[in-house]
C-alpha atoms as a PDB file:
ATOM      1  CA  MET A   1       0.014  -0.024   0.034  1.00  0.00           C
ATOM      2  CA  LYS A   2       2.923   2.213   0.948  1.00  0.00           C
ATOM      3  CA  GLU A   3       4.050   1.662  -2.777  1.00  0.00           C
ATOM      4  CA  LEU A   4       0.805   2.725  -4.253  1.00  0.00           C
ATOM      5  CA  VAL A   5       0.576   5.901  -2.505  1.00  0.00           C
ATOM      6  CA  GLU A   6       4.011   6.687  -3.238  1.00  0.00           C
ATOM      7  CA  VAL A   7       3.613   5.896  -6.872  1.00  0.00           C
ATOM      8  CA  ILE A   8       0.435   8.155  -7.245  1.00  0.00           C
ATOM      9  CA  ALA A   9       1.946  10.983  -5.365  1.00  0.00           C
ATOM     10  CA  LYS A  10       5.256  10.828  -7.395  1.00  0.00           C
ATOM     11  CA  ALA A  11       3.175  10.955 -10.776  1.00  0.00           C
ATOM     12  CA  LEU A  12       1.358  14.270  -9.570  1.00  0.00           C
ATOM     13  CA  ALA A  13       4.493  15.922  -8.094  1.00  0.00           C
ATOM     14  CA  ASP A  14       6.723  18.295  -9.650  1.00  0.00           C
ATOM     15  CA  TYR A  15       9.589  17.245  -7.348  1.00  0.00           C
ATOM     16  CA  PRO A  16       9.201  13.383  -7.220  1.00  0.00           C
ATOM     17  CA  ASN A  17      12.476  12.980  -5.426  1.00  0.00           C
ATOM     18  CA  ARG A  18      10.972  14.888  -2.402  1.00  0.00           C
ATOM     19  CA  VAL A  19       7.905  12.458  -1.998  1.00  0.00           C
ATOM     20  CA  HIS A  20       8.049  10.472   1.156  1.00  0.00           C
ATOM     21  CA  VAL A  21       5.586   8.178   2.578  1.00  0.00           C
ATOM     22  CA  ARG A  22       5.722   6.715   5.935  1.00  0.00           C
ATOM     23  CA  PRO A  23       3.108   3.989   7.346  1.00  0.00           C
ATOM     24  CA  VAL A  24       2.076   4.251  11.057  1.00  0.00           C
ATOM     25  CA  GLU A  25       0.378   1.063  11.872  1.00  0.00           C
ATOM     26  CA  ALA A  26      -2.150   0.714  14.625  1.00  0.00           C
ATOM     27  CA  GLU A  27      -4.361  -2.127  15.627  1.00  0.00           C
ATOM     28  CA  TYR A  28      -7.100  -1.635  12.987  1.00  0.00           C
ATOM     29  CA  VAL A  29      -5.832   1.129  11.013  1.00  0.00           C
ATOM     30  CA  THR A  30      -2.790   2.202   8.914  1.00  0.00           C
ATOM     31  CA  VAL A  31      -2.078   5.867   8.515  1.00  0.00           C
ATOM     32  CA  PHE A  32       0.191   6.921   5.687  1.00  0.00           C
ATOM     33  CA  GLU A  33       1.891  10.097   6.372  1.00  0.00           C
ATOM     34  CA  LEU A  34       2.776  11.823   3.102  1.00  0.00           C
ATOM     35  CA  ARG A  35       5.340  14.486   2.773  1.00  0.00           C
ATOM     36  CA  VAL A  36       5.850  16.459  -0.334  1.00  0.00           C
ATOM     37  CA  ASP A  37       7.727  19.656  -1.450  1.00  0.00           C
ATOM     38  CA  PRO A  38       5.732  22.620  -0.449  1.00  0.00           C
ATOM     39  CA  ASP A  39       5.202  23.705  -3.988  1.00  0.00           C
ATOM     40  CA  ASP A  40       3.499  20.232  -4.764  1.00  0.00           C
ATOM     41  CA  ILE A  41       0.921  20.204  -1.903  1.00  0.00           C
ATOM     42  CA  ARG A  42      -1.700  22.125  -3.956  1.00  0.00           C
ATOM     43  CA  ARG A  43      -1.140  19.418  -6.743  1.00  0.00           C
ATOM     44  CA  ILE A  44      -1.700  16.601  -4.400  1.00  0.00           C
ATOM     45  CA  ILE A  45      -4.831  18.173  -2.794  1.00  0.00           C
ATOM     46  CA  GLY A  46      -6.481  19.280  -6.028  1.00  0.00           C
ATOM     47  CA  ARG A  47      -9.186  21.790  -6.667  1.00  0.00           C
ATOM     48  CA  GLN A  48     -11.729  21.486  -3.598  1.00  0.00           C
ATOM     49  CA  GLY A  49      -9.802  18.327  -2.269  1.00  0.00           C
ATOM     50  CA  ARG A  50     -10.826  16.088  -5.365  1.00  0.00           C
ATOM     51  CA  THR A  51      -7.250  14.491  -5.921  1.00  0.00           C
ATOM     52  CA  ILE A  52      -6.661  13.712  -2.211  1.00  0.00           C
ATOM     53  CA  ASN A  53     -10.297  12.510  -1.912  1.00  0.00           C
ATOM     54  CA  ALA A  54      -9.810  10.197  -4.910  1.00  0.00           C
ATOM     55  CA  ILE A  55      -6.518   8.713  -3.475  1.00  0.00           C
ATOM     56  CA  ARG A  56      -8.403   8.084  -0.183  1.00  0.00           C
ATOM     57  CA  THR A  57     -11.275   6.474  -1.873  1.00  0.00           C
ATOM     58  CA  ILE A  58      -8.723   4.092  -3.666  1.00  0.00           C
ATOM     59  CA  LEU A  59      -7.270   3.236  -0.239  1.00  0.00           C
ATOM     60  CA  ASN A  60     -10.671   2.633   1.344  1.00  0.00           C
ATOM     61  CA  ALA A  61     -11.499   0.200  -1.669  1.00  0.00           C
ATOM     62  CA  VAL A  62      -8.383  -1.757  -1.112  1.00  0.00           C
ATOM     63  CA  GLY A  63      -8.956  -1.607   2.582  1.00  0.00           C
ATOM     64  CA  VAL A  64     -12.319  -3.293   2.195  1.00  0.00           C
ATOM     65  CA  LYS A  65     -10.751  -6.169   0.264  1.00  0.00           C
ATOM     66  CA  LEU A  66      -7.996  -6.734   2.841  1.00  0.00           C
ATOM     67  CA  HIS A  67     -10.179  -6.040   5.840  1.00  0.00           C
ATOM     68  CA  ARG A  68      -8.146  -3.168   7.101  1.00  0.00           C
ATOM     69  CA  ARG A  69      -8.590   0.543   7.373  1.00  0.00           C
ATOM     70  CA  PHE A  70      -6.305   2.982   5.749  1.00  0.00           C
ATOM     71  CA  ALA A  71      -5.919   6.577   6.275  1.00  0.00           C
ATOM     72  CA  LEU A  72      -3.819   9.300   4.380  1.00  0.00           C
ATOM     73  CA  GLU A  73      -2.712  12.508   5.881  1.00  0.00           C
ATOM     74  CA  ILE A  74      -0.324  15.271   4.290  1.00  0.00           C
ATOM     75  CA  LEU A  75       2.249  16.550   6.582  1.00  0.00           C
ATOM     76  CA  ASP A  76       3.862  19.995   6.308  1.00  0.00           C
END
């Protein structure tokens, strides 16, 4: 899953070498902390949050198959 988030974020970013994803695992949920270059944050979020919501929808769909919850946070 980490690789999936990383590939999507790198495809959207102008500075793909500055994309870092760190999974933080808890009992029932895995939170992916996404760090990107400050110039790329707008591209990752998208207009009215549509892009980030689409990525979260993909994570939720995969989570249903794996019986696990996934969350995505963008860190400054």
